[in-house]
Protein backbone atom coordinates (compact mmCIF):
# COMPACT_ATOMS: atom_id res chain seq x y z
CA UNK A 1 16.31 2.34 -2.99
CA UNK A 2 13.13 0.60 -4.18
CA UNK A 3 10.16 2.78 -5.14
CA UNK A 4 6.79 1.80 -6.54
CA UNK A 5 3.14 2.75 -6.64
CA UNK A 6 0.25 0.33 -6.18
CA UNK A 7 -3.10 1.30 -7.68
CA UNK A 8 -6.15 -0.49 -6.25
CA UNK A 9 -9.80 -0.20 -7.27
CA UNK A 10 -12.60 -0.96 -4.80
CA UNK A 11 -16.39 -0.99 -4.71
CA UNK A 12 -18.04 2.16 -3.25
CA UNK A 13 -19.58 0.17 -0.39
CA UNK A 14 -16.08 -0.84 0.81
CA UNK A 15 -14.73 2.71 1.27
CA UNK A 16 -14.90 2.72 5.08
CA UNK A 17 -13.28 -0.71 5.44
CA UNK A 18 -10.57 0.18 2.92
CA UNK A 19 -9.80 3.46 4.71
CA UNK A 20 -9.45 1.65 8.05
CA UNK A 21 -7.20 -1.07 6.58
CA UNK A 22 -5.01 1.62 5.01
CA UNK A 23 -4.83 3.63 8.23
CA UNK A 24 -3.63 0.63 10.24
CA UNK A 25 -1.34 -0.66 7.49
CA UNK A 26 0.28 2.73 6.89
CA UNK A 27 0.90 3.35 10.59
CA UNK A 28 2.55 -0.04 11.09
CA UNK A 29 4.49 0.03 7.80
CA UNK A 30 6.03 3.43 8.53
CA UNK A 31 7.54 1.99 11.71
CA UNK A 32 9.37 -0.83 9.89
CA UNK A 33 13.16 -0.62 9.68
CA UNK A 34 13.98 0.13 6.05
CA UNK A 35 10.63 1.72 5.16
CA UNK A 36 11.30 5.21 3.81
CA UNK A 37 7.76 6.13 2.69
CA UNK A 38 4.36 4.47 2.79
CA UNK A 39 1.71 6.94 1.73
CA UNK A 40 -1.80 5.87 0.69
CA UNK A 41 -3.90 8.30 -1.37
CA UNK A 42 -7.42 8.41 -2.74
CA UNK A 43 -7.46 9.55 -6.35
CA UNK A 44 -9.13 12.97 -6.26
CA UNK A 45 -11.65 12.41 -9.04
CA UNK A 46 -12.17 8.70 -8.27
CA UNK A 47 -12.74 7.99 -4.55
CA UNK A 48 -12.91 4.24 -5.21
CA UNK A 49 -9.31 4.16 -6.44
CA UNK A 50 -6.40 4.16 -4.02
CA UNK A 51 -2.77 4.80 -4.91
CA UNK A 52 -0.11 3.74 -2.39
CA UNK A 53 3.37 5.23 -2.85
CA UNK A 54 6.02 3.04 -1.20
CA UNK A 55 9.79 3.32 -0.79
CA UNK A 56 12.16 0.91 0.92
CA UNK A 57 15.91 1.00 1.49
CA UNK A 58 16.51 -2.32 -0.27
CA UNK A 59 15.04 -5.70 -1.21
CA UNK A 60 15.56 -6.99 2.34
CA UNK A 61 13.37 -4.21 3.75
CA UNK A 62 10.69 -4.85 1.12
CA UNK A 63 10.73 -8.60 1.87
CA UNK A 64 10.39 -7.85 5.59
CA UNK A 65 7.41 -5.62 4.84
CA UNK A 66 5.69 -8.28 2.76
CA UNK A 67 6.38 -10.88 5.45
CA UNK A 68 5.10 -8.74 8.32
CA UNK A 69 2.01 -9.67 10.27
CA UNK A 70 0.33 -6.33 9.55
CA UNK A 71 0.85 -6.78 5.78
CA UNK A 72 -0.58 -10.30 5.89
CA UNK A 73 -3.55 -9.18 7.95
CA UNK A 74 -4.47 -5.81 6.43
CA UNK A 75 -3.18 -6.06 2.84
CA UNK A 76 -3.50 -9.76 1.94
CA UNK A 77 -6.38 -10.52 4.32
CA UNK A 78 -8.12 -7.15 3.99
CA UNK A 79 -7.44 -5.01 0.93
CA UNK A 80 -6.68 -7.86 -1.47
CA UNK A 81 -9.97 -9.55 -0.56
CA UNK A 82 -11.96 -6.44 -1.49
CA UNK A 83 -10.02 -5.11 -4.49
CA UNK A 84 -11.51 -5.26 -7.96
CA UNK A 85 -8.33 -4.28 -9.81
CA UNK A 86 -4.64 -3.98 -8.93
CA UNK A 87 -1.68 -2.55 -10.81
CA UNK A 88 1.91 -1.99 -9.67
CA UNK A 89 4.22 0.59 -11.23
CA UNK A 90 7.92 0.14 -10.40
CA UNK A 91 9.68 3.49 -10.33
CA UNK A 92 13.27 4.55 -11.05
CA UNK A 93 14.43 7.86 -9.56
CA UNK A 94 15.79 10.39 -12.04
CA UNK A 95 17.91 12.28 -9.54
């Protein structure tokens, strides 16, 4: 299983657009074969920071996600165009 968290920072004026992109992206991503979890969060004390927790069955499922039309449209063409910072944390399950 592949697990990671993506932390994105946005400008306050982009909150509504970011929330809509995440809503559409999460809904579509959760329907992909091989997607186990796709959960976007706002950081409680920092509403301009988003953390997306993602899990996929394997590298094939992750590649399919990144190649999907909804990812290209709403992540690459939407979120990535508005983000000010981006960090990815790859996770290894302990149990």
